[in-house]
Every structure is written in C-alpha cells, then in structure tokens.
C-alpha atoms as a PDB file:
ATOM      1  CA  MET A   1     -22.712   1.189 -19.924  1.00  0.00           C
ATOM      2  CA  THR A   2     -19.766   2.584 -21.865  1.00  0.00           C
ATOM      3  CA  ALA A   3     -16.418   1.151 -20.806  1.00  0.00           C
ATOM      4  CA  ARG A   4     -14.069   3.668 -19.233  1.00  0.00           C
ATOM      5  CA  PRO A   5     -10.802   4.392 -21.061  1.00  0.00           C
ATOM      6  CA  LYS A   6      -7.868   2.359 -19.777  1.00  0.00           C
ATOM      7  CA  ALA A   7      -5.009   4.307 -18.265  1.00  0.00           C
ATOM      8  CA  TRP A   8      -1.578   3.887 -16.762  1.00  0.00           C
ATOM      9  CA  LEU A   9      -0.519   6.174 -13.955  1.00  0.00           C
ATOM     10  CA  SER A  10       2.933   7.751 -13.925  1.00  0.00           C
ATOM     11  CA  TRP A  11       4.242   6.388 -10.629  1.00  0.00           C
ATOM     12  CA  SER A  12       7.097   8.245  -8.947  1.00  0.00           C
ATOM     13  CA  SER A  13       6.573   6.347  -5.655  1.00  0.00           C
ATOM     14  CA  GLY A  14       5.621   9.646  -4.005  1.00  0.00           C
ATOM     15  CA  LYS A  15       2.586  11.231  -2.414  1.00  0.00           C
ATOM     16  CA  ASP A  16       1.351  13.134  -5.487  1.00  0.00           C
ATOM     17  CA  SER A  17       1.163  10.097  -7.752  1.00  0.00           C
ATOM     18  CA  ALA A  18      -0.385   8.108  -4.890  1.00  0.00           C
ATOM     19  CA  TRP A  19      -3.018  10.784  -4.293  1.00  0.00           C
ATOM     20  CA  ALA A  20      -3.669  11.036  -8.033  1.00  0.00           C
ATOM     21  CA  LEU A  21      -4.455   7.302  -7.992  1.00  0.00           C
ATOM     22  CA  HIS A  22      -6.917   7.877  -5.152  1.00  0.00           C
ATOM     23  CA  ALA A  23      -8.508  10.866  -6.909  1.00  0.00           C
ATOM     24  CA  VAL A  24      -8.988   9.043 -10.212  1.00  0.00           C
ATOM     25  CA  ARG A  25     -10.460   5.992  -8.510  1.00  0.00           C
ATOM     26  CA  GLN A  26     -12.953   8.294  -6.811  1.00  0.00           C
ATOM     27  CA  SER A  27     -13.863  10.202  -9.973  1.00  0.00           C
ATOM     28  CA  GLY A  28     -14.084   7.142 -12.220  1.00  0.00           C
ATOM     29  CA  GLU A  29     -12.876   9.225 -15.173  1.00  0.00           C
ATOM     30  CA  VAL A  30     -10.602   6.438 -16.378  1.00  0.00           C
ATOM     31  CA  GLU A  31      -9.754   2.907 -15.272  1.00  0.00           C
ATOM     32  CA  ILE A  32      -6.217   2.645 -13.899  1.00  0.00           C
ATOM     33  CA  VAL A  33      -4.831  -0.692 -15.087  1.00  0.00           C
ATOM     34  CA  GLY A  34      -1.135  -0.211 -14.319  1.00  0.00           C
ATOM     35  CA  LEU A  35       1.553   1.927 -12.729  1.00  0.00           C
ATOM     36  CA  LEU A  36       4.426   3.137 -14.902  1.00  0.00           C
ATOM     37  CA  THR A  37       7.755   3.927 -13.264  1.00  0.00           C
ATOM     38  CA  THR A  38      11.315   4.597 -14.405  1.00  0.00           C
ATOM     39  CA  ILE A  39      14.009   2.537 -12.715  1.00  0.00           C
ATOM     40  CA  ASN A  40      17.653   3.595 -12.686  1.00  0.00           C
ATOM     41  CA  ARG A  41      19.450   0.457 -13.917  1.00  0.00           C
ATOM     42  CA  ALA A  42      22.717   1.297 -12.163  1.00  0.00           C
ATOM     43  CA  PHE A  43      21.192   1.474  -8.675  1.00  0.00           C
ATOM     44  CA  ALA A  44      17.831  -0.372  -8.963  1.00  0.00           C
ATOM     45  CA  ARG A  45      16.083   2.709  -7.640  1.00  0.00           C
ATOM     46  CA  VAL A  46      13.365   5.070  -8.828  1.00  0.00           C
ATOM     47  CA  ALA A  47      14.850   7.943 -10.795  1.00  0.00           C
ATOM     48  CA  MET A  48      15.026  11.233  -8.805  1.00  0.00           C
ATOM     49  CA  HIS A  49      13.415   9.894  -5.633  1.00  0.00           C
ATOM     50  CA  GLY A  50      16.131   7.308  -5.022  1.00  0.00           C
ATOM     51  CA  VAL A  51      13.584   4.829  -3.643  1.00  0.00           C
ATOM     52  CA  ARG A  52      14.556   1.171  -3.740  1.00  0.00           C
ATOM     53  CA  GLU A  53      12.911  -0.900  -6.468  1.00  0.00           C
ATOM     54  CA  ALA A  54      11.754  -3.453  -3.878  1.00  0.00           C
ATOM     55  CA  LEU A  55       9.652  -0.791  -2.143  1.00  0.00           C
ATOM     56  CA  VAL A  56       7.997   0.226  -5.408  1.00  0.00           C
ATOM     57  CA  ASP A  57       7.132  -3.433  -5.953  1.00  0.00           C
ATOM     58  CA  GLU A  58       5.478  -3.416  -2.519  1.00  0.00           C
ATOM     59  CA  GLN A  59       3.549  -0.254  -3.379  1.00  0.00           C
ATOM     60  CA  ALA A  60       2.164  -1.840  -6.546  1.00  0.00           C
ATOM     61  CA  ARG A  61       1.052  -4.924  -4.625  1.00  0.00           C
ATOM     62  CA  ALA A  62      -0.608  -2.727  -2.005  1.00  0.00           C
ATOM     63  CA  ALA A  63      -2.363  -0.748  -4.757  1.00  0.00           C
ATOM     64  CA  GLY A  64      -3.502  -3.980  -6.430  1.00  0.00           C
ATOM     65  CA  LEU A  65      -2.002  -2.986  -9.771  1.00  0.00           C
ATOM     66  CA  PRO A  66       0.722  -4.313 -12.075  1.00  0.00           C
ATOM     67  CA  LEU A  67       3.933  -2.297 -12.200  1.00  0.00           C
ATOM     68  CA  VAL A  68       5.355  -1.437 -15.622  1.00  0.00           C
ATOM     69  CA  LYS A  69       9.063  -0.717 -15.203  1.00  0.00           C
ATOM     70  CA  VAL A  70      10.986   1.431 -17.663  1.00  0.00           C
ATOM     71  CA  PRO A  71      14.730   0.867 -17.156  1.00  0.00           C
ATOM     72  CA  ILE A  72      16.899   3.908 -17.836  1.00  0.00           C
ATOM     73  CA  PRO A  73      20.695   4.350 -17.697  1.00  0.00           C
ATOM     74  CA  TYR A  74      22.682   6.525 -15.292  1.00  0.00           C
ATOM     75  CA  PRO A  75      23.386   9.187 -16.238  1.00  0.00           C
ATOM     76  CA  CYS A  76      20.359   9.386 -18.505  1.00  0.00           C
ATOM     77  CA  PRO A  77      20.471  11.785 -21.478  1.00  0.00           C
ATOM     78  CA  ASN A  78      17.077  13.180 -22.434  1.00  0.00           C
ATOM     79  CA  GLU A  79      17.209  11.300 -25.738  1.00  0.00           C
ATOM     80  CA  ALA A  80      17.565   7.976 -23.910  1.00  0.00           C
ATOM     81  CA  TYR A  81      14.681   8.859 -21.596  1.00  0.00           C
ATOM     82  CA  GLU A  82      12.389   9.825 -24.447  1.00  0.00           C
ATOM     83  CA  GLN A  83      13.237   6.672 -26.397  1.00  0.00           C
ATOM     84  CA  ALA A  84      12.481   4.496 -23.366  1.00  0.00           C
ATOM     85  CA  MET A  85       9.166   6.257 -22.775  1.00  0.00           C
ATOM     86  CA  ALA A  86       8.191   6.022 -26.442  1.00  0.00           C
ATOM     87  CA  GLN A  87       8.705   2.255 -26.275  1.00  0.00           C
ATOM     88  CA  ALA A  88       6.576   2.123 -23.132  1.00  0.00           C
ATOM     89  CA  MET A  89       3.784   4.013 -24.898  1.00  0.00           C
ATOM     90  CA  GLU A  90       3.928   1.523 -27.774  1.00  0.00           C
ATOM     91  CA  ARG A  91       3.350  -1.243 -25.237  1.00  0.00           C
ATOM     92  CA  ALA A  92       0.519   0.750 -23.665  1.00  0.00           C
ATOM     93  CA  ARG A  93      -1.320   1.131 -26.961  1.00  0.00           C
ATOM     94  CA  ALA A  94      -0.799  -2.548 -27.755  1.00  0.00           C
ATOM     95  CA  GLU A  95      -2.506  -3.367 -24.445  1.00  0.00           C
ATOM     96  CA  GLY A  96      -5.457  -1.060 -25.129  1.00  0.00           C
ATOM     97  CA  VAL A  97      -4.258   1.725 -22.845  1.00  0.00           C
ATOM     98  CA  THR A  98      -5.132   5.170 -24.222  1.00  0.00           C
ATOM     99  CA  HIS A  99      -4.564   7.541 -21.285  1.00  0.00           C
ATOM    100  CA  MET A 100      -1.717   8.492 -18.939  1.00  0.00           C
ATOM    101  CA  VAL A 101      -2.432   9.960 -15.503  1.00  0.00           C
ATOM    102  CA  PHE A 102       0.017  12.361 -13.824  1.00  0.00           C
ATOM    103  CA  GLY A 103       0.199  13.870 -10.349  1.00  0.00           C
ATOM    104  CA  ASP A 104       1.475  17.239 -11.601  1.00  0.00           C
ATOM    105  CA  LEU A 105       0.155  20.254  -9.701  1.00  0.00           C
ATOM    106  CA  PHE A 106       0.961  23.536 -11.436  1.00  0.00           C
ATOM    107  CA  LEU A 107       4.218  23.606 -13.447  1.00  0.00           C
ATOM    108  CA  GLU A 108       3.062  24.640 -16.925  1.00  0.00           C
ATOM    109  CA  ASP A 109       6.269  23.689 -18.752  1.00  0.00           C
ATOM    110  CA  ILE A 110       6.134  20.110 -17.483  1.00  0.00           C
ATOM    111  CA  ARG A 111       2.474  19.765 -18.424  1.00  0.00           C
ATOM    112  CA  GLN A 112       3.139  21.144 -21.906  1.00  0.00           C
ATOM    113  CA  TYR A 113       6.049  18.728 -22.370  1.00  0.00           C
ATOM    114  CA  ARG A 114       3.877  15.758 -21.388  1.00  0.00           C
ATOM    115  CA  GLU A 115       1.016  16.852 -23.624  1.00  0.00           C
ATOM    116  CA  GLU A 116       3.288  17.280 -26.649  1.00  0.00           C
ATOM    117  CA  LYS A 117       5.039  13.928 -26.202  1.00  0.00           C
ATOM    118  CA  LEU A 118       1.804  12.018 -25.617  1.00  0.00           C
ATOM    119  CA  ALA A 119       0.031  13.672 -28.544  1.00  0.00           C
ATOM    120  CA  ALA A 120       2.854  12.487 -30.787  1.00  0.00           C
ATOM    121  CA  CYS A 121       2.174   8.874 -29.840  1.00  0.00           C
ATOM    122  CA  GLY A 122      -1.616   9.028 -29.707  1.00  0.00           C
ATOM    123  CA  MET A 123      -2.049   9.040 -25.925  1.00  0.00           C
ATOM    124  CA  THR A 124      -4.244  11.332 -23.795  1.00  0.00           C
ATOM    125  CA  PRO A 125      -2.908  12.891 -20.564  1.00  0.00           C
ATOM    126  CA  VAL A 126      -5.007  13.268 -17.410  1.00  0.00           C
ATOM    127  CA  PHE A 127      -4.095  15.660 -14.569  1.00  0.00           C
ATOM    128  CA  PRO A 128      -6.513  15.037 -11.663  1.00  0.00           C
ATOM    129  CA  LEU A 129      -4.668  17.317  -9.187  1.00  0.00           C
ATOM    130  CA  TRP A 130      -3.994  20.191 -11.568  1.00  0.00           C
ATOM    131  CA  ARG A 131      -4.210  23.689 -10.068  1.00  0.00           C
ATOM    132  CA  LEU A 132      -5.384  22.519  -6.652  1.00  0.00           C
ATOM    133  CA  ASP A 133      -4.135  24.778  -3.875  1.00  0.00           C
ATOM    134  CA  THR A 134      -1.037  22.945  -2.653  1.00  0.00           C
ATOM    135  CA  ALA A 135      -1.296  24.114   0.962  1.00  0.00           C
ATOM    136  CA  GLN A 136      -4.843  22.804   1.170  1.00  0.00           C
ATOM    137  CA  LEU A 137      -3.969  19.677  -0.800  1.00  0.00           C
ATOM    138  CA  ALA A 138      -1.095  18.810   1.544  1.00  0.00           C
ATOM    139  CA  LYS A 139      -3.406  19.127   4.542  1.00  0.00           C
ATOM    140  CA  GLN A 140      -6.076  17.079   2.757  1.00  0.00           C
ATOM    141  CA  MET A 141      -3.559  14.307   2.080  1.00  0.00           C
ATOM    142  CA  VAL A 142      -2.527  14.116   5.736  1.00  0.00           C
ATOM    143  CA  ALA A 143      -6.125  14.292   6.982  1.00  0.00           C
ATOM    144  CA  GLY A 144      -7.136  11.660   4.418  1.00  0.00           C
ATOM    145  CA  GLY A 145      -4.742   9.082   5.851  1.00  0.00           C
ATOM    146  CA  LEU A 146      -1.820   9.448   3.464  1.00  0.00           C
ATOM    147  CA  GLU A 147       1.473   8.517   5.094  1.00  0.00           C
ATOM    148  CA  ALA A 148       4.777   9.302   3.406  1.00  0.00           C
ATOM    149  CA  TRP A 149       8.468   9.870   4.120  1.00  0.00           C
ATOM    150  CA  LEU A 150      10.811  12.434   2.612  1.00  0.00           C
ATOM    151  CA  ALA A 151      13.145  10.266   0.536  1.00  0.00           C
ATOM    152  CA  CYS A 152      15.060  13.061  -1.185  1.00  0.00           C
ATOM    153  CA  VAL A 153      15.711  16.712  -0.373  1.00  0.00           C
ATOM    154  CA  ASP A 154      17.261  19.355  -2.619  1.00  0.00           C
ATOM    155  CA  SER A 155      19.730  20.886  -0.160  1.00  0.00           C
ATOM    156  CA  ARG A 156      19.795  24.111  -2.168  1.00  0.00           C
ATOM    157  CA  LYS A 157      16.125  24.648  -1.322  1.00  0.00           C
ATOM    158  CA  LEU A 158      15.538  22.830   1.970  1.00  0.00           C
ATOM    159  CA  GLY A 159      17.672  21.831   4.947  1.00  0.00           C
ATOM    160  CA  ARG A 160      19.255  18.373   4.825  1.00  0.00           C
ATOM    161  CA  GLU A 161      17.722  17.603   8.235  1.00  0.00           C
ATOM    162  CA  PHE A 162      14.350  17.180   6.524  1.00  0.00           C
ATOM    163  CA  ALA A 163      15.538  14.034   4.685  1.00  0.00           C
ATOM    164  CA  GLY A 164      13.979  10.956   6.249  1.00  0.00           C
ATOM    165  CA  ARG A 165      11.204  12.854   8.023  1.00  0.00           C
ATOM    166  CA  ARG A 166       7.559  11.882   7.808  1.00  0.00           C
ATOM    167  CA  PHE A 167       5.246  13.956   5.651  1.00  0.00           C
ATOM    168  CA  ASP A 168       2.781  14.978   8.344  1.00  0.00           C
ATOM    169  CA  ALA A 169       1.188  18.007   9.994  1.00  0.00           C
ATOM    170  CA  GLN A 170       4.351  18.772  11.961  1.00  0.00           C
ATOM    171  CA  LEU A 171       6.470  18.730   8.813  1.00  0.00           C
ATOM    172  CA  LEU A 172       4.055  21.101   7.073  1.00  0.00           C
ATOM    173  CA  ALA A 173       4.311  23.454  10.037  1.00  0.00           C
ATOM    174  CA  ASP A 174       8.122  23.287   9.962  1.00  0.00           C
ATOM    175  CA  LEU A 175       8.593  23.944   6.236  1.00  0.00           C
ATOM    176  CA  PRO A 176      10.058  27.377   5.412  1.00  0.00           C
ATOM    177  CA  ALA A 177       7.539  29.770   3.857  1.00  0.00           C
ATOM    178  CA  LYS A 178       9.370  29.740   0.510  1.00  0.00           C
ATOM    179  CA  VAL A 179       8.999  25.950   0.160  1.00  0.00           C
ATOM    180  CA  ASP A 180       5.888  24.636  -1.589  1.00  0.00           C
ATOM    181  CA  PRO A 181       3.936  22.395   0.841  1.00  0.00           C
ATOM    182  CA  CYS A 182       3.829  19.648  -1.782  1.00  0.00           C
ATOM    183  CA  GLY A 183       7.411  20.181  -2.956  1.00  0.00           C
ATOM    184  CA  GLU A 184       6.244  20.972  -6.471  1.00  0.00           C
ATOM    185  CA  TYR A 185       9.396  22.954  -7.253  1.00  0.00           C
ATOM    186  CA  GLY A 186      11.514  19.895  -6.486  1.00  0.00           C
ATOM    187  CA  GLU A 187      12.332  20.918  -2.914  1.00  0.00           C
ATOM    188  CA  PHE A 188      11.683  17.357  -1.758  1.00  0.00           C
ATOM    189  CA  HIS A 189      10.442  13.988  -2.997  1.00  0.00           C
ATOM    190  CA  THR A 190       8.568  11.375  -1.005  1.00  0.00           C
ATOM    191  CA  LEU A 191       7.795   7.697  -0.627  1.00  0.00           C
ATOM    192  CA  ALA A 192       4.096   7.013   0.028  1.00  0.00           C
ATOM    193  CA  THR A 193       3.618   4.161   2.492  1.00  0.00           C
ATOM    194  CA  ALA A 194      -0.064   4.210   3.462  1.00  0.00           C
ATOM    195  CA  GLY A 195      -3.372   5.759   2.522  1.00  0.00           C
ATOM    196  CA  PRO A 196      -6.715   5.126   0.843  1.00  0.00           C
ATOM    197  CA  MET A 197      -4.989   4.091  -2.387  1.00  0.00           C
ATOM    198  CA  PHE A 198      -3.362   1.075  -0.681  1.00  0.00           C
ATOM    199  CA  ARG A 199      -4.896  -2.143   0.644  1.00  0.00           C
ATOM    200  CA  ALA A 200      -2.366  -2.259   3.463  1.00  0.00           C
ATOM    201  CA  PRO A 201       0.470  -0.026   4.698  1.00  0.00           C
ATOM    202  CA  ILE A 202       4.061  -0.552   3.572  1.00  0.00           C
ATOM    203  CA  GLN A 203       6.390  -0.903   6.537  1.00  0.00           C
ATOM    204  CA  VAL A 204       9.656   1.004   6.180  1.00  0.00           C
ATOM    205  CA  GLN A 205      12.455   2.311   8.348  1.00  0.00           C
ATOM    206  CA  ALA A 206      14.925   5.129   7.758  1.00  0.00           C
ATOM    207  CA  GLY A 207      18.430   4.016   6.852  1.00  0.00           C
ATOM    208  CA  GLU A 208      21.587   5.862   5.905  1.00  0.00           C
ATOM    209  CA  ILE A 209      21.514   9.530   4.874  1.00  0.00           C
ATOM    210  CA  VAL A 210      23.603  10.129   1.745  1.00  0.00           C
ATOM    211  CA  GLU A 211      24.392  13.394  -0.056  1.00  0.00           C
ATOM    212  CA  ARG A 212      25.048  13.351  -3.802  1.00  0.00           C
ATOM    213  CA  ASP A 213      25.145  16.174  -6.365  1.00  0.00           C
ATOM    214  CA  GLY A 214      23.365  18.615  -4.071  1.00  0.00           C
ATOM    215  CA  PHE A 215      20.615  16.181  -3.111  1.00  0.00           C
ATOM    216  CA  VAL A 216      20.239  14.482   0.274  1.00  0.00           C
ATOM    217  CA  TYR A 217      18.770  10.971   0.166  1.00  0.00           C
ATOM    218  CA  ALA A 218      17.277   9.023   3.041  1.00  0.00           C
ATOM    219  CA  ASP A 219      17.752   5.363   2.219  1.00  0.00           C
ATOM    220  CA  LEU A 220      14.346   4.014   3.191  1.00  0.00           C
ATOM    221  CA  LEU A 221      14.448   0.271   3.856  1.00  0.00           C
ATOM    222  CA  PRO A 222      11.779  -2.418   3.993  1.00  0.00           C
ATOM    223  CA  LYS A 223      11.073  -3.038   7.675  1.00  0.00           C
ATOM    224  CA  PRO A 224      11.621  -6.667   8.747  1.00  0.00           C
ATOM    225  CA  ALA A 225       8.445  -8.466   9.754  1.00  0.00           C
END
C-alpha cells in the first residue's frame, strides 16, 4: 500500500478548518499530521478570530494532533506574515510534510494567493470544502454534530449582538439574507468546540464582549471543571 502524503492543516480554530479536518480524515486523501496556526504575540490569541491560545491548545489535544504555532507581531505587515509562513513551510518540508489543507470555500483570490505561495516553496494545497454550497454545508455541519461559537463579528456586516452566540440552527435562521451562512466573506469567525473531528468536547463559556477596529469579539474562556 502506498503511503499517503503527509499534510498540515491550516487551523484558524473555527468551524471551517475543523470540518476540513473531518472531511480529509473521511476521504483519506492525505494524512493530517499537524495543525498550523498563527498566534498574535502581543495578545496570545489566534490572529483574526481573537481566540485564546489556551483554547487552541485544547482543540489540538481533542483532535489528537500536534499544534505548530507561527508567532506573528501586532500589527502584522504582509511581509512579516509571509516570512513567518515561509519559515513554517521550511519546517514542514524538513519533517516530510508535502501538503497543506485549507478550509476555504469559494473566494478565488484567496485560493490563488495560497496556490502561488505554496508553489514557490514546493508545497501542494488541498481544498476539501471548495465550492460546496455554503447554506447546505452549514446545515450539514450542525446536523453532523459540530458545535461552535461566534468569536468575532464584523460589525459592518453583521449585528454586534451575534458575537458570542452558538453556531446552530437558530443562528442560521436568524442570519440576514445578505450574510453567507458560513461567514465566508468575513462576516463572522468561530471557535469550534465539539464535533466528529474531536475526541471530546471543549468546554467554554462566553466572557466579555469587546469592540475593536470595527470588529466585535466575544472573549471565550475555558470553562472551569
């Protein structure tokens, strides 16, 4: 039997990357051997989503995979980001990793950017959720046992009252028609806490709601045992 290519999965902490992990494990196309995430050094949080680093550590344990952290500054110029990612890809190749998996859904410019950058360093991208209907995918996630919270909302696209809500059937029903059900246009970002990609659920509770630079963050906290 031919060994499957080794891959890292780009881990945002959210539902799309979590569901991509589930999809790839089901398809067997590649072997996921690690999760790659960018951590904002100034706040010890996942870039964009604002999720605490400690919760991402819990996600990796629940997924049964090592977490590869890429520290980035705040603010982070694109040059600094690309340099940090290039170094991460050097490590990947040194460890026999040849593929990167992404949870992207339909934004062509983002896919093209990833393909160009990975081609330059000899890596192959994989997009297991590409072009799936997002309304159907969102329902499939909920029906499939995925649990997630809205950790960040772009207040220019979605009401601030959605920050801290659960990603569930009621939320999908309440989303304005102009908002993509999976938030692919950046309307919202999530923290995945349970589902078929995890061995056990991650217990969290909603903390303070903070608004910064047009984004509303729900500070999700590890729930005490």
